Amino acid sequence: MVEGVLTKDRRGFTLLEVIIALVILSFVILMMANTSGTFIRSVVRNDRTTSAIQLAKDRIEFIQMDPDYAGLDTLYVGTESGFPGLAGFTRETIIRRVGGTGQATDHKMVTVTVTGPGLDRPISRTISVAAP
């Protein structure tokens, strides 16, 4: 056996190893927090967009089911707000008649536009409703 050679008994981590591990762990935790925040914002935005689309579809389906073609303009044109669970959302319905009685074309263009907080842009749906 060679004398003078120091043998070191390693029973743990050095301070440098602990610091490097903490830096790596901190970086991973920060990246996970950033990804989680982005995911949550995306989910909230998609939920609001889905709600706006549903508000527009509900109005259009309601108008399509109404048998009073002549009264559509007076019953549905306007702006609504105060939807439960959707604070700040508004729904505007515009009805424009194309042609008229006795003409080759007689139908109404119904446009429903929903705006609200958290939407990238207003949601708009348009349909054509013809006289029965």
N, C-alpha and C. Protein backbone atom coordinates (compact mmCIF):
# COMPACT_ATOMS: atom_id res chain seq x y z
N MET A 1 0.83 -1.16 0.00
CA MET A 1 0.00 0.00 0.00
C MET A 1 0.88 1.24 0.00
N VAL A 2 0.47 2.20 -0.78
CA VAL A 2 1.26 3.42 -0.91
C VAL A 2 0.88 4.35 0.23
N GLU A 3 1.89 4.82 0.88
CA GLU A 3 1.62 5.73 1.97
C GLU A 3 1.65 7.16 1.47
N GLY A 4 0.96 8.01 2.10
CA GLY A 4 0.94 9.41 1.72
C GLY A 4 -0.23 9.76 0.81
N VAL A 5 -0.93 8.76 0.31
CA VAL A 5 -2.09 9.04 -0.54
C VAL A 5 -3.29 9.19 0.37
N LEU A 6 -3.92 10.31 0.25
CA LEU A 6 -5.08 10.57 1.09
C LEU A 6 -6.32 9.94 0.45
N THR A 7 -7.03 9.22 1.20
CA THR A 7 -8.30 8.67 0.73
C THR A 7 -9.40 9.49 1.35
N LYS A 8 -10.36 9.78 0.52
CA LYS A 8 -11.44 10.66 0.96
C LYS A 8 -12.71 9.83 1.05
N ASP A 9 -13.38 9.90 2.11
CA ASP A 9 -14.63 9.18 2.30
C ASP A 9 -15.77 10.11 1.89
N ARG A 10 -16.38 9.83 0.75
CA ARG A 10 -17.46 10.69 0.25
C ARG A 10 -18.79 10.16 0.76
N ARG A 11 -19.44 10.93 1.59
CA ARG A 11 -20.72 10.52 2.15
C ARG A 11 -21.83 11.50 1.81
N GLY A 12 -21.69 12.40 0.94
CA GLY A 12 -22.74 13.36 0.64
C GLY A 12 -22.38 14.17 -0.58
N PHE A 13 -23.13 15.23 -0.78
CA PHE A 13 -22.92 16.12 -1.92
C PHE A 13 -22.09 17.32 -1.49
N THR A 14 -21.34 17.82 -2.42
CA THR A 14 -20.59 19.04 -2.13
C THR A 14 -21.54 20.23 -2.26
N LEU A 15 -21.12 21.33 -1.73
CA LEU A 15 -21.94 22.55 -1.79
C LEU A 15 -22.20 22.94 -3.24
N LEU A 16 -21.22 22.81 -4.10
CA LEU A 16 -21.38 23.14 -5.52
C LEU A 16 -22.44 22.26 -6.18
N GLU A 17 -22.44 20.98 -5.88
CA GLU A 17 -23.44 20.07 -6.45
C GLU A 17 -24.85 20.43 -5.99
N VAL A 18 -25.00 20.81 -4.75
CA VAL A 18 -26.31 21.20 -4.23
C VAL A 18 -26.80 22.48 -4.91
N ILE A 19 -25.91 23.44 -5.10
CA ILE A 19 -26.30 24.71 -5.75
C ILE A 19 -26.71 24.45 -7.20
N ILE A 20 -25.95 23.64 -7.91
CA ILE A 20 -26.31 23.33 -9.31
C ILE A 20 -27.65 22.62 -9.37
N ALA A 21 -27.91 21.68 -8.47
CA ALA A 21 -29.19 20.98 -8.45
C ALA A 21 -30.34 21.94 -8.16
N LEU A 22 -30.13 22.89 -7.25
CA LEU A 22 -31.18 23.87 -6.94
C LEU A 22 -31.45 24.79 -8.12
N VAL A 23 -30.42 25.19 -8.84
CA VAL A 23 -30.60 26.04 -10.02
C VAL A 23 -31.41 25.30 -11.08
N ILE A 24 -31.06 24.04 -11.33
CA ILE A 24 -31.79 23.24 -12.32
C ILE A 24 -33.25 23.06 -11.89
N LEU A 25 -33.47 22.73 -10.63
CA LEU A 25 -34.83 22.54 -10.11
C LEU A 25 -35.63 23.83 -10.22
N SER A 26 -35.02 24.98 -9.89
CA SER A 26 -35.71 26.26 -10.00
C SER A 26 -36.10 26.56 -11.44
N PHE A 27 -35.22 26.28 -12.36
CA PHE A 27 -35.51 26.50 -13.78
C PHE A 27 -36.69 25.65 -14.23
N VAL A 28 -36.70 24.38 -13.83
CA VAL A 28 -37.79 23.48 -14.22
C VAL A 28 -39.11 23.95 -13.62
N ILE A 29 -39.10 24.38 -12.37
CA ILE A 29 -40.33 24.85 -11.72
C ILE A 29 -40.85 26.12 -12.40
N LEU A 30 -39.96 27.05 -12.75
CA LEU A 30 -40.39 28.26 -13.45
C LEU A 30 -40.98 27.95 -14.82
N MET A 31 -40.40 27.02 -15.54
CA MET A 31 -40.93 26.64 -16.85
C MET A 31 -42.31 25.99 -16.71
N MET A 32 -42.48 25.16 -15.69
CA MET A 32 -43.79 24.53 -15.47
C MET A 32 -44.84 25.57 -15.10
N ALA A 33 -44.48 26.56 -14.30
CA ALA A 33 -45.41 27.61 -13.92
C ALA A 33 -45.81 28.44 -15.14
N ASN A 34 -44.85 28.74 -15.99
CA ASN A 34 -45.13 29.50 -17.21
C ASN A 34 -46.07 28.72 -18.13
N THR A 35 -45.79 27.44 -18.30
CA THR A 35 -46.63 26.59 -19.16
C THR A 35 -48.04 26.47 -18.59
N SER A 36 -48.14 26.32 -17.27
CA SER A 36 -49.46 26.22 -16.63
C SER A 36 -50.26 27.51 -16.82
N GLY A 37 -49.60 28.65 -16.66
CA GLY A 37 -50.29 29.93 -16.85
C GLY A 37 -50.79 30.10 -18.27
N THR A 38 -49.96 29.74 -19.24
CA THR A 38 -50.36 29.82 -20.65
C THR A 38 -51.54 28.90 -20.93
N PHE A 39 -51.50 27.70 -20.37
CA PHE A 39 -52.58 26.74 -20.57
C PHE A 39 -53.89 27.26 -19.98
N ILE A 40 -53.83 27.81 -18.78
CA ILE A 40 -55.05 28.32 -18.13
C ILE A 40 -55.63 29.48 -18.92
N ARG A 41 -54.79 30.41 -19.39
CA ARG A 41 -55.29 31.52 -20.20
C ARG A 41 -55.95 31.01 -21.48
N SER A 42 -55.37 30.00 -22.09
CA SER A 42 -55.94 29.43 -23.32
C SER A 42 -57.30 28.79 -23.05
N VAL A 43 -57.40 28.07 -21.95
CA VAL A 43 -58.67 27.43 -21.60
C VAL A 43 -59.76 28.48 -21.35
N VAL A 44 -59.42 29.54 -20.63
CA VAL A 44 -60.40 30.60 -20.33
C VAL A 44 -60.84 31.28 -21.63
N ARG A 45 -59.87 31.58 -22.52
CA ARG A 45 -60.20 32.23 -23.79
C ARG A 45 -61.10 31.33 -24.64
N ASN A 46 -60.79 30.04 -24.70
CA ASN A 46 -61.62 29.12 -25.48
C ASN A 46 -63.01 28.96 -24.87
N ASP A 47 -63.10 28.98 -23.55
CA ASP A 47 -64.40 28.88 -22.89
C ASP A 47 -65.26 30.10 -23.21
N ARG A 48 -64.67 31.27 -23.20
CA ARG A 48 -65.42 32.50 -23.53
C ARG A 48 -65.84 32.51 -25.00
N THR A 49 -64.96 32.05 -25.87
CA THR A 49 -65.31 31.99 -27.30
C THR A 49 -66.44 31.00 -27.52
N THR A 50 -66.39 29.86 -26.86
CA THR A 50 -67.46 28.86 -26.98
C THR A 50 -68.78 29.42 -26.46
N SER A 51 -68.74 30.15 -25.36
CA SER A 51 -69.96 30.75 -24.82
C SER A 51 -70.53 31.78 -25.78
N ALA A 52 -69.68 32.58 -26.41
CA ALA A 52 -70.14 33.59 -27.37
C ALA A 52 -70.76 32.92 -28.59
N ILE A 53 -70.14 31.87 -29.08
CA ILE A 53 -70.69 31.14 -30.23
C ILE A 53 -72.06 30.57 -29.87
N GLN A 54 -72.18 30.04 -28.66
CA GLN A 54 -73.46 29.47 -28.24
C GLN A 54 -74.54 30.54 -28.11
N LEU A 55 -74.18 31.72 -27.63
CA LEU A 55 -75.16 32.82 -27.56
C LEU A 55 -75.68 33.18 -28.96
N ALA A 56 -74.78 33.24 -29.92
CA ALA A 56 -75.18 33.56 -31.30
C ALA A 56 -76.05 32.44 -31.88
N LYS A 57 -75.65 31.21 -31.68
CA LYS A 57 -76.42 30.07 -32.21
C LYS A 57 -77.80 29.99 -31.58
N ASP A 58 -77.89 30.25 -30.28
CA ASP A 58 -79.19 30.20 -29.60
C ASP A 58 -80.16 31.21 -30.21
N ARG A 59 -79.67 32.42 -30.46
CA ARG A 59 -80.52 33.46 -31.03
C ARG A 59 -80.97 33.07 -32.44
N ILE A 60 -80.04 32.58 -33.25
CA ILE A 60 -80.38 32.20 -34.63
C ILE A 60 -81.39 31.06 -34.63
N GLU A 61 -81.20 30.06 -33.78
CA GLU A 61 -82.15 28.94 -33.73
C GLU A 61 -83.53 29.42 -33.28
N PHE A 62 -83.57 30.34 -32.35
CA PHE A 62 -84.84 30.88 -31.87
C PHE A 62 -85.57 31.61 -32.99
N ILE A 63 -84.82 32.39 -33.79
CA ILE A 63 -85.41 33.13 -34.91
C ILE A 63 -85.89 32.15 -35.98
N GLN A 64 -85.12 31.12 -36.26
CA GLN A 64 -85.51 30.14 -37.28
C GLN A 64 -86.79 29.41 -36.90
N MET A 65 -87.02 29.22 -35.62
CA MET A 65 -88.21 28.49 -35.18
C MET A 65 -89.46 29.35 -35.12
N ASP A 66 -89.31 30.66 -35.20
CA ASP A 66 -90.46 31.56 -35.09
C ASP A 66 -91.25 31.54 -36.41
N PRO A 67 -92.52 31.20 -36.35
CA PRO A 67 -93.32 31.13 -37.58
C PRO A 67 -93.77 32.49 -38.11
N ASP A 68 -93.59 33.55 -37.32
CA ASP A 68 -94.05 34.89 -37.71
C ASP A 68 -92.96 35.60 -38.52
N TYR A 69 -92.85 35.27 -39.80
CA TYR A 69 -91.82 35.85 -40.67
C TYR A 69 -91.94 37.37 -40.74
N ALA A 70 -93.14 37.86 -40.84
CA ALA A 70 -93.35 39.30 -40.97
C ALA A 70 -92.94 40.06 -39.71
N GLY A 71 -93.02 39.42 -38.55
CA GLY A 71 -92.72 40.10 -37.31
C GLY A 71 -91.30 39.93 -36.79
N LEU A 72 -90.46 39.26 -37.55
CA LEU A 72 -89.08 39.03 -37.08
C LEU A 72 -88.35 40.33 -36.77
N ASP A 73 -88.55 41.32 -37.64
CA ASP A 73 -87.85 42.59 -37.47
C ASP A 73 -88.18 43.26 -36.13
N THR A 74 -89.45 43.27 -35.78
CA THR A 74 -89.86 43.96 -34.57
C THR A 74 -89.57 43.15 -33.31
N LEU A 75 -89.56 41.83 -33.42
CA LEU A 75 -89.36 41.00 -32.23
C LEU A 75 -87.89 40.84 -31.83
N TYR A 76 -87.01 40.77 -32.79
CA TYR A 76 -85.65 40.34 -32.48
C TYR A 76 -84.53 41.36 -32.69
N VAL A 77 -84.79 42.43 -33.42
CA VAL A 77 -83.73 43.41 -33.67
C VAL A 77 -83.42 44.15 -32.38
N GLY A 78 -82.14 44.26 -32.07
CA GLY A 78 -81.73 45.01 -30.88
C GLY A 78 -80.48 44.43 -30.25
N THR A 79 -80.13 45.01 -29.11
CA THR A 79 -78.95 44.59 -28.37
C THR A 79 -79.36 44.12 -26.99
N GLU A 80 -78.79 43.00 -26.58
CA GLU A 80 -79.09 42.42 -25.27
C GLU A 80 -77.80 42.31 -24.47
N SER A 81 -77.95 42.35 -23.15
CA SER A 81 -76.81 42.13 -22.26
C SER A 81 -77.35 41.53 -20.96
N GLY A 82 -76.44 41.30 -20.03
CA GLY A 82 -76.87 40.76 -18.74
C GLY A 82 -77.12 39.27 -18.75
N PHE A 83 -76.30 38.53 -19.48
CA PHE A 83 -76.45 37.08 -19.52
C PHE A 83 -75.85 36.48 -18.25
N PRO A 84 -76.56 35.55 -17.61
CA PRO A 84 -76.05 34.95 -16.37
C PRO A 84 -74.69 34.25 -16.61
N GLY A 85 -73.73 34.58 -15.77
CA GLY A 85 -72.41 33.96 -15.88
C GLY A 85 -71.52 34.54 -16.95
N LEU A 86 -72.02 35.50 -17.73
CA LEU A 86 -71.24 36.10 -18.81
C LEU A 86 -71.27 37.62 -18.69
N ALA A 87 -70.73 38.12 -17.62
CA ALA A 87 -70.73 39.56 -17.36
C ALA A 87 -69.97 40.29 -18.48
N GLY A 88 -70.58 41.36 -18.97
CA GLY A 88 -69.94 42.17 -20.00
C GLY A 88 -70.22 41.73 -21.43
N PHE A 89 -70.91 40.62 -21.62
CA PHE A 89 -71.21 40.16 -22.97
C PHE A 89 -72.45 40.87 -23.50
N THR A 90 -72.43 41.22 -24.78
CA THR A 90 -73.61 41.80 -25.44
C THR A 90 -73.87 41.02 -26.72
N ARG A 91 -75.13 40.94 -27.09
CA ARG A 91 -75.55 40.25 -28.31
C ARG A 91 -76.42 41.20 -29.11
N GLU A 92 -75.97 41.49 -30.33
CA GLU A 92 -76.70 42.41 -31.20
C GLU A 92 -77.27 41.62 -32.38
N THR A 93 -78.56 41.83 -32.63
CA THR A 93 -79.23 41.16 -33.74
C THR A 93 -79.66 42.21 -34.76
N ILE A 94 -79.26 41.99 -36.00
CA ILE A 94 -79.63 42.88 -37.12
C ILE A 94 -80.35 42.03 -38.16
N ILE A 95 -81.49 42.52 -38.63
CA ILE A 95 -82.24 41.81 -39.68
C ILE A 95 -82.43 42.77 -40.85
N ARG A 96 -81.99 42.31 -42.02
CA ARG A 96 -82.08 43.13 -43.23
C ARG A 96 -82.89 42.35 -44.27
N ARG A 97 -83.92 43.00 -44.80
CA ARG A 97 -84.76 42.34 -45.79
C ARG A 97 -84.15 42.50 -47.18
N VAL A 98 -84.13 41.42 -47.92
CA VAL A 98 -83.62 41.41 -49.30
C VAL A 98 -84.81 41.11 -50.21
N GLY A 99 -85.05 42.00 -51.15
CA GLY A 99 -86.21 41.83 -52.03
C GLY A 99 -87.48 42.26 -51.31
N GLY A 100 -88.55 41.61 -51.60
CA GLY A 100 -89.81 41.97 -50.96
C GLY A 100 -90.96 41.15 -51.53
N THR A 101 -92.13 41.41 -51.02
CA THR A 101 -93.32 40.69 -51.45
C THR A 101 -93.53 40.87 -52.94
N GLY A 102 -93.73 39.78 -53.66
CA GLY A 102 -93.98 39.83 -55.10
C GLY A 102 -92.72 39.90 -55.94
N GLN A 103 -91.56 40.05 -55.34
CA GLN A 103 -90.31 40.09 -56.10
C GLN A 103 -89.72 38.69 -56.21
N ALA A 104 -88.75 38.56 -57.08
CA ALA A 104 -88.12 37.25 -57.30
C ALA A 104 -87.42 36.75 -56.03
N THR A 105 -86.87 37.67 -55.27
CA THR A 105 -86.23 37.28 -54.01
C THR A 105 -86.97 37.95 -52.86
N ASP A 106 -87.25 37.18 -51.85
CA ASP A 106 -87.87 37.72 -50.65
C ASP A 106 -87.36 36.90 -49.47
N HIS A 107 -86.32 37.40 -48.84
CA HIS A 107 -85.79 36.75 -47.65
C HIS A 107 -85.16 37.80 -46.74
N LYS A 108 -84.84 37.38 -45.54
CA LYS A 108 -84.23 38.29 -44.57
C LYS A 108 -82.88 37.71 -44.16
N MET A 109 -81.90 38.60 -44.13
CA MET A 109 -80.56 38.24 -43.67
C MET A 109 -80.49 38.58 -42.18
N VAL A 110 -80.25 37.58 -41.36
CA VAL A 110 -80.18 37.75 -39.91
C VAL A 110 -78.71 37.63 -39.50
N THR A 111 -78.19 38.67 -38.87
CA THR A 111 -76.82 38.66 -38.38
C THR A 111 -76.83 38.87 -36.88
N VAL A 112 -76.20 37.96 -36.16
CA VAL A 112 -76.08 38.05 -34.71
C VAL A 112 -74.60 38.20 -34.38
N THR A 113 -74.27 39.26 -33.64
CA THR A 113 -72.88 39.53 -33.26
C THR A 113 -72.77 39.58 -31.75
N VAL A 114 -71.83 38.82 -31.21
CA VAL A 114 -71.62 38.77 -29.76
C VAL A 114 -70.24 39.35 -29.46
N THR A 115 -70.20 40.28 -28.51
CA THR A 115 -68.93 40.85 -28.05
C THR A 115 -68.84 40.66 -26.55
N GLY A 116 -67.62 40.66 -26.06
CA GLY A 116 -67.45 40.52 -24.62
C GLY A 116 -66.00 40.49 -24.23
N PRO A 117 -65.73 40.62 -22.94
CA PRO A 117 -64.36 40.60 -22.46
C PRO A 117 -63.73 39.22 -22.66
N GLY A 118 -62.47 39.22 -23.03
CA GLY A 118 -61.76 37.96 -23.23
C GLY A 118 -61.87 37.39 -24.62
N LEU A 119 -62.66 38.03 -25.49
CA LEU A 119 -62.77 37.56 -26.87
C LEU A 119 -61.73 38.28 -27.72
N ASP A 120 -61.05 37.53 -28.58
CA ASP A 120 -60.07 38.14 -29.47
C ASP A 120 -60.74 39.09 -30.45
N ARG A 121 -61.92 38.70 -30.92
CA ARG A 121 -62.68 39.52 -31.85
C ARG A 121 -64.15 39.17 -31.66
N PRO A 122 -65.07 40.02 -32.12
CA PRO A 122 -66.50 39.70 -31.98
C PRO A 122 -66.84 38.42 -32.75
N ILE A 123 -67.79 37.67 -32.22
CA ILE A 123 -68.29 36.45 -32.87
C ILE A 123 -69.55 36.84 -33.63
N SER A 124 -69.59 36.50 -34.92
CA SER A 124 -70.72 36.89 -35.74
C SER A 124 -71.20 35.69 -36.55
N ARG A 125 -72.52 35.52 -36.61
CA ARG A 125 -73.14 34.45 -37.41
C ARG A 125 -74.27 35.09 -38.24
N THR A 126 -74.36 34.68 -39.51
CA THR A 126 -75.37 35.21 -40.41
C THR A 126 -76.10 34.06 -41.07
N ILE A 127 -77.43 34.18 -41.15
CA ILE A 127 -78.24 33.19 -41.86
C ILE A 127 -79.24 33.94 -42.73
N SER A 128 -79.85 33.20 -43.63
CA SER A 128 -80.92 33.73 -44.47
C SER A 128 -82.20 33.01 -44.10
N VAL A 129 -83.25 33.78 -43.85
CA VAL A 129 -84.55 33.22 -43.50
C VAL A 129 -85.53 33.65 -44.59
N ALA A 130 -86.16 32.66 -45.21
CA ALA A 130 -87.10 32.96 -46.30
C ALA A 130 -88.52 32.91 -45.78
N ALA A 131 -89.39 33.62 -46.50
CA ALA A 131 -90.81 33.61 -46.16
C ALA A 131 -91.38 32.22 -46.40
N PRO A 132 -92.27 31.80 -45.54
CA PRO A 132 -92.88 30.45 -45.71
C PRO A 132 -93.73 30.37 -46.96
